[in-house]
Amino acid sequence: MHPQKKFHLVFSFVMGAMMISLMTFVITWVNVGLGADFLSRWMKAFGIAYVVGVPVIFFLAPVARKLTGRILGVNPA
């Protein structure tokens, strides 16, 4: 696998884990509070969101990079 493609794939998994864990934590907390079943509900939400989120990051990050470049008038690397 080309190093740039490998980087983008690993980036998607790492970014997905960080962003999705934070977002699912906050949304689960807001919706159900910090009760006895919080951890299991959060883990369920994380699992579903991770399976959906990582491919979204993988495919949309290059689009977002290009769009940002156009908005700012720069050529993204």
N, C-alpha and C. Protein backbone atom coordinates (compact mmCIF):
# COMPACT_ATOMS: atom_id res chain seq x y z
N MET A 1 0.85 -1.18 0.00
CA MET A 1 0.00 0.00 0.00
C MET A 1 0.89 1.24 0.00
N HIS A 2 0.51 2.21 -0.81
CA HIS A 2 1.24 3.47 -0.91
C HIS A 2 1.24 4.16 0.46
N PRO A 3 2.39 4.74 0.87
CA PRO A 3 2.47 5.37 2.20
C PRO A 3 1.40 6.43 2.46
N GLN A 4 1.05 7.22 1.45
CA GLN A 4 0.03 8.26 1.64
C GLN A 4 -1.34 7.64 1.89
N LYS A 5 -1.66 6.57 1.16
CA LYS A 5 -2.94 5.87 1.38
C LYS A 5 -2.96 5.22 2.75
N LYS A 6 -1.84 4.64 3.16
CA LYS A 6 -1.75 4.02 4.48
C LYS A 6 -1.94 5.08 5.56
N PHE A 7 -1.31 6.24 5.39
CA PHE A 7 -1.45 7.34 6.33
C PHE A 7 -2.92 7.75 6.44
N HIS A 8 -3.59 7.91 5.31
CA HIS A 8 -4.98 8.34 5.31
C HIS A 8 -5.88 7.30 5.98
N LEU A 9 -5.61 6.03 5.78
CA LEU A 9 -6.40 4.97 6.41
C LEU A 9 -6.22 4.98 7.93
N VAL A 10 -4.97 5.04 8.38
CA VAL A 10 -4.69 5.07 9.82
C VAL A 10 -5.25 6.35 10.44
N PHE A 11 -5.09 7.48 9.74
CA PHE A 11 -5.66 8.74 10.20
C PHE A 11 -7.17 8.60 10.42
N SER A 12 -7.86 7.96 9.50
CA SER A 12 -9.31 7.79 9.61
C SER A 12 -9.69 7.00 10.85
N PHE A 13 -8.94 5.93 11.15
CA PHE A 13 -9.22 5.14 12.34
C PHE A 13 -8.94 5.92 13.63
N VAL A 14 -7.82 6.64 13.65
CA VAL A 14 -7.44 7.41 14.85
C VAL A 14 -8.39 8.59 15.05
N MET A 15 -8.63 9.36 14.00
CA MET A 15 -9.54 10.50 14.10
C MET A 15 -10.94 10.03 14.46
N GLY A 16 -11.36 8.92 13.88
CA GLY A 16 -12.66 8.36 14.20
C GLY A 16 -12.77 8.01 15.67
N ALA A 17 -11.76 7.36 16.21
CA ALA A 17 -11.80 6.96 17.62
C ALA A 17 -11.89 8.18 18.53
N MET A 18 -11.09 9.20 18.25
CA MET A 18 -11.08 10.40 19.10
C MET A 18 -12.39 11.17 18.99
N MET A 19 -12.82 11.47 17.79
CA MET A 19 -14.01 12.28 17.59
C MET A 19 -15.27 11.54 18.03
N ILE A 20 -15.38 10.31 17.64
CA ILE A 20 -16.59 9.54 17.95
C ILE A 20 -16.71 9.25 19.43
N SER A 21 -15.59 8.97 20.11
CA SER A 21 -15.68 8.72 21.55
C SER A 21 -16.15 9.97 22.28
N LEU A 22 -15.63 11.12 21.93
CA LEU A 22 -16.04 12.36 22.57
C LEU A 22 -17.51 12.69 22.28
N MET A 23 -17.90 12.60 21.03
CA MET A 23 -19.26 12.95 20.65
C MET A 23 -20.28 11.99 21.25
N THR A 24 -20.01 10.68 21.20
CA THR A 24 -20.97 9.73 21.76
C THR A 24 -21.04 9.86 23.28
N PHE A 25 -19.92 10.18 23.93
CA PHE A 25 -19.93 10.40 25.37
C PHE A 25 -20.87 11.55 25.72
N VAL A 26 -20.68 12.68 25.05
CA VAL A 26 -21.48 13.87 25.35
C VAL A 26 -22.96 13.63 25.05
N ILE A 27 -23.26 13.08 23.90
CA ILE A 27 -24.66 12.88 23.52
C ILE A 27 -25.33 11.85 24.42
N THR A 28 -24.61 10.78 24.78
CA THR A 28 -25.18 9.79 25.70
C THR A 28 -25.42 10.42 27.07
N TRP A 29 -24.48 11.21 27.54
CA TRP A 29 -24.62 11.90 28.82
C TRP A 29 -25.84 12.82 28.82
N VAL A 30 -25.98 13.60 27.75
CA VAL A 30 -27.12 14.52 27.64
C VAL A 30 -28.44 13.75 27.61
N ASN A 31 -28.47 12.65 26.88
CA ASN A 31 -29.72 11.92 26.70
C ASN A 31 -30.12 11.05 27.88
N VAL A 32 -29.16 10.41 28.55
CA VAL A 32 -29.54 9.46 29.61
C VAL A 32 -28.92 9.78 30.96
N GLY A 33 -28.01 10.74 31.02
CA GLY A 33 -27.35 11.07 32.29
C GLY A 33 -26.29 10.04 32.65
N LEU A 34 -25.67 10.24 33.80
CA LEU A 34 -24.59 9.36 34.24
C LEU A 34 -25.11 8.26 35.18
N GLY A 35 -26.13 7.55 34.75
CA GLY A 35 -26.72 6.49 35.56
C GLY A 35 -25.90 5.21 35.52
N ALA A 36 -26.44 4.19 36.15
CA ALA A 36 -25.75 2.91 36.27
C ALA A 36 -25.49 2.26 34.91
N ASP A 37 -26.35 2.51 33.94
CA ASP A 37 -26.17 1.88 32.63
C ASP A 37 -25.49 2.79 31.62
N PHE A 38 -24.90 3.89 32.09
CA PHE A 38 -24.26 4.84 31.18
C PHE A 38 -23.17 4.19 30.33
N LEU A 39 -22.27 3.46 30.95
CA LEU A 39 -21.15 2.88 30.22
C LEU A 39 -21.61 1.94 29.12
N SER A 40 -22.56 1.08 29.40
CA SER A 40 -23.03 0.15 28.37
C SER A 40 -23.73 0.89 27.24
N ARG A 41 -24.50 1.91 27.57
CA ARG A 41 -25.16 2.70 26.52
C ARG A 41 -24.14 3.47 25.68
N TRP A 42 -23.14 4.02 26.35
CA TRP A 42 -22.10 4.75 25.63
C TRP A 42 -21.33 3.82 24.70
N MET A 43 -20.96 2.65 25.17
CA MET A 43 -20.21 1.70 24.35
C MET A 43 -21.04 1.24 23.15
N LYS A 44 -22.33 1.05 23.34
CA LYS A 44 -23.19 0.66 22.22
C LYS A 44 -23.24 1.79 21.19
N ALA A 45 -23.42 3.02 21.66
CA ALA A 45 -23.45 4.17 20.76
C ALA A 45 -22.11 4.32 20.04
N PHE A 46 -21.01 4.14 20.77
CA PHE A 46 -19.68 4.24 20.17
C PHE A 46 -19.50 3.20 19.08
N GLY A 47 -19.87 1.96 19.36
CA GLY A 47 -19.70 0.88 18.38
C GLY A 47 -20.44 1.15 17.09
N ILE A 48 -21.68 1.59 17.21
CA ILE A 48 -22.46 1.89 16.01
C ILE A 48 -21.86 3.07 15.26
N ALA A 49 -21.55 4.13 15.99
CA ALA A 49 -21.02 5.34 15.35
C ALA A 49 -19.65 5.10 14.72
N TYR A 50 -18.82 4.26 15.33
CA TYR A 50 -17.48 4.00 14.79
C TYR A 50 -17.56 3.28 13.46
N VAL A 51 -18.46 2.30 13.38
CA VAL A 51 -18.62 1.55 12.14
C VAL A 51 -19.10 2.45 11.00
N VAL A 52 -19.92 3.42 11.33
CA VAL A 52 -20.42 4.37 10.33
C VAL A 52 -19.40 5.49 10.10
N GLY A 53 -18.81 6.00 11.18
CA GLY A 53 -17.98 7.20 11.11
C GLY A 53 -16.65 7.04 10.42
N VAL A 54 -15.97 5.93 10.63
CA VAL A 54 -14.64 5.76 10.02
C VAL A 54 -14.71 5.78 8.49
N PRO A 55 -15.62 5.03 7.87
CA PRO A 55 -15.71 5.15 6.40
C PRO A 55 -16.09 6.56 5.93
N VAL A 56 -16.95 7.23 6.70
CA VAL A 56 -17.31 8.60 6.34
C VAL A 56 -16.08 9.49 6.37
N ILE A 57 -15.28 9.38 7.43
CA ILE A 57 -14.04 10.17 7.52
C ILE A 57 -13.11 9.81 6.36
N PHE A 58 -12.96 8.52 6.09
CA PHE A 58 -12.05 8.07 5.03
C PHE A 58 -12.42 8.67 3.68
N PHE A 59 -13.70 8.66 3.36
CA PHE A 59 -14.12 9.13 2.04
C PHE A 59 -14.36 10.63 1.97
N LEU A 60 -14.75 11.26 3.07
CA LEU A 60 -15.07 12.68 3.01
C LEU A 60 -13.92 13.62 3.39
N ALA A 61 -12.91 13.12 4.09
CA ALA A 61 -11.78 13.98 4.46
C ALA A 61 -11.10 14.60 3.23
N PRO A 62 -10.84 13.84 2.15
CA PRO A 62 -10.23 14.47 0.97
C PRO A 62 -11.15 15.53 0.34
N VAL A 63 -12.44 15.28 0.35
CA VAL A 63 -13.40 16.26 -0.19
C VAL A 63 -13.37 17.53 0.66
N ALA A 64 -13.38 17.37 1.98
CA ALA A 64 -13.33 18.51 2.88
C ALA A 64 -12.03 19.29 2.71
N ARG A 65 -10.92 18.58 2.52
CA ARG A 65 -9.62 19.23 2.32
C ARG A 65 -9.65 20.08 1.05
N LYS A 66 -10.18 19.54 -0.05
CA LYS A 66 -10.25 20.28 -1.31
C LYS A 66 -11.20 21.47 -1.20
N LEU A 67 -12.34 21.27 -0.57
CA LEU A 67 -13.30 22.36 -0.40
C LEU A 67 -12.70 23.48 0.45
N THR A 68 -12.02 23.11 1.52
CA THR A 68 -11.36 24.11 2.36
C THR A 68 -10.31 24.87 1.57
N GLY A 69 -9.55 24.17 0.74
CA GLY A 69 -8.56 24.82 -0.11
C GLY A 69 -9.19 25.83 -1.05
N ARG A 70 -10.32 25.45 -1.63
CA ARG A 70 -11.03 26.39 -2.52
C ARG A 70 -11.54 27.60 -1.78
N ILE A 71 -12.12 27.38 -0.61
CA ILE A 71 -12.66 28.49 0.19
C ILE A 71 -11.55 29.47 0.55
N LEU A 72 -10.39 28.93 0.94
CA LEU A 72 -9.28 29.78 1.38
C LEU A 72 -8.36 30.21 0.26
N GLY A 73 -8.56 29.66 -0.93
CA GLY A 73 -7.73 30.01 -2.07
C GLY A 73 -6.31 29.47 -1.98
N VAL A 74 -6.17 28.30 -1.35
CA VAL A 74 -4.86 27.67 -1.25
C VAL A 74 -4.93 26.26 -1.82
N ASN A 75 -3.78 25.72 -2.15
CA ASN A 75 -3.71 24.37 -2.69
C ASN A 75 -3.34 23.43 -1.55
N PRO A 76 -4.29 22.63 -1.05
CA PRO A 76 -3.97 21.73 0.07
C PRO A 76 -2.99 20.66 -0.35
N ALA A 77 -2.10 20.33 0.56
CA ALA A 77 -1.08 19.30 0.28
C ALA A 77 -1.66 17.91 0.37
